Structure formats: structure tokens, C-alpha cells
Amino acid sequence: MSKADTAWCDLPQAARDAAYNNAAAVAESAAWIAEWTRVSAEIRAQAPAHLDVAYGPKPRNKWDLFPGQTGAPCFVFIHGGYWLRNSREVFTCMADGVRAHGWSAALPGYTLAPDATVPEIVAEMRAAFDWLADHREGYGITGPVIVAGWSAGGHLATMMLDHPLVSAGLAVSGIFELGPLRDTAYQATLHLTPEACATLSPHRLASSSKVLAIAYGTAELPALVANSCDYHAKRTAGGALGALIPLEGCNHFNVLASLRTPDGMLTRALIELAGVR
């Protein structure tokens, strides 16, 4: 057992819970979610789009698809919320930056815990990407697909990096090692098993050869910062490609702000991933 593992095991339960509780760490977290929800609802009401397109049988097995210019890259954004909260509808505004450059955008939903386990959620995402690969041209999505996600969505985006449809990825404030979550209050809802942690923790898996940029806010909880930095170091040591992007002074919520502007740091990172100059 490493020193870090020993230190984690020695923490009282309240400290373990706080180590991953982003909402509690950011006083204005609810305000950020409310703002995203409001702006995203306006976009969904006004922008040309195909909304609530089913890829599977369950209520949340839906895509929101926003066609862009012919041949332009497609930005797929997977929402976060520890696999147990939020929805794709809240995050439509995260595509504003790349849509200003003519990109398409696609946002998938998934069943939340406890109605689905994390392995089942990953399987739903694979089914969603299979569906998109087969049907996207009929919805005006024709260019290369760049997958991105935030928090738990960063984990899911990383798990989708090996899908044949995906060209490259961006994980923002992702969770790449699931094991410690079994020791937090989230476990009561997630029911993570040792097998799930072993097979679905990107940090324990062979890294995809595709480029994955990893971004995080320097003012995030130390556990989240470590997830990003440690996983990037692991990928780099194995020869995998992708930048580590620290967003100075950003917390777990305002770290997404630069996705919403055409010249934001994360928008520029996506354009670079797509090879667009």
C-alpha cells in the first residue's frame, strides 16, 4: 500500500466525503447549474436541432443533435454529475464555442444511478455511439467526432475514446480512478464493485492511442486535480498523446466557461484536436 493509499485509509468518513464533494466545495454551484439550464433551454427552443432522438429503449436514452456545416467536426458532450444527477438538456450551452465555428454538436443522455450501475451507463454510452455512427448523416452530422465530457462525463468520454466513431477527446475535470469513491457517501447510490473499479477506471486500463486532452481547474478539490494530473502522467509515460490543460483559478463549475466562447481556451483545444486551423 502506497503512502497515499495509507493516508486515504486513515481519513475519517467526513473527510473522505468532502474530498469528492464538488457541490459543497463551490458555494455558487447551484447558481451555475441554474444558469446553464436557463441558457440551454433558450438554445433548445431556438436553434435548428433534432431533439430527444432515441438511441435505446430507456427514457434517458436520447440524443440532442445540432447539425453544423457540411463536413465540419462534431462535438459530442457527455454531462457529469457523478453518474447520478443532471441531464443532457442542462449542457446544451457547452457547445456554443464550437458551434460558432460551424461545428455540429451532439449531447447524449444516459440512465442515472441507482437505476443503472456505472457499467450499465458505460454500456449505454457505447450503444449511443453505435447509433450515432449508423444514423448521424441523416441528421446532418458528417465530420469527424470529437468526444468531450465533464466530471463523470469526463470519465465516460475517456471510456468512449476507443470507439471507432471517435477521432479524439477532451476530458474536463474527469474521474479516472473510481476506487476511492467506494469509500465516500456516493457509494450508497453508485454501488461500485471492485470489478467495476478495475475494468472501468481509465487509470488502470491500457491507454488509447488516440489523442486525449485533459483539462482541470487549478482551484478544484485536490482529489480532482490529482485525477487529471496523475492520469495524464500515466498516459504520457505510456507514449499516448494529449495536452494537460490547467485553467488557472477555475473551480469545478466555472472551468466550463471557456467552452462557451469561440476563443475560449477549451474551444481552442477542441479545434486543435480536430486539426482545424
Foldseek 3Di string as FASTA:
>chain_A
DDPVVVVLVPDPQVVLQVLPPQPVVDVCQVVLLVVLLVVLVVCVVPADWDWQCALDDDNQRGKIKHAFDAQAEEEEEEEDDPQADDFQSSHNLLQQQVVVVGYIYMYGTFDGWPVDAPVVRLVSVLSSVVSCVVCVVVGNHHHQYEYEYAACRLLSSQSCCPPPRHQEYEYELYAQQCVSVCSHPCCVTNVDDPVCRCVRRNQNDDGDQHEYAYEYEPPERPVSVCRRVVSVVSCVVVVHHYHYHYDYPDYRRCSSVQSNHNPRPVNVRVCVSSVHD
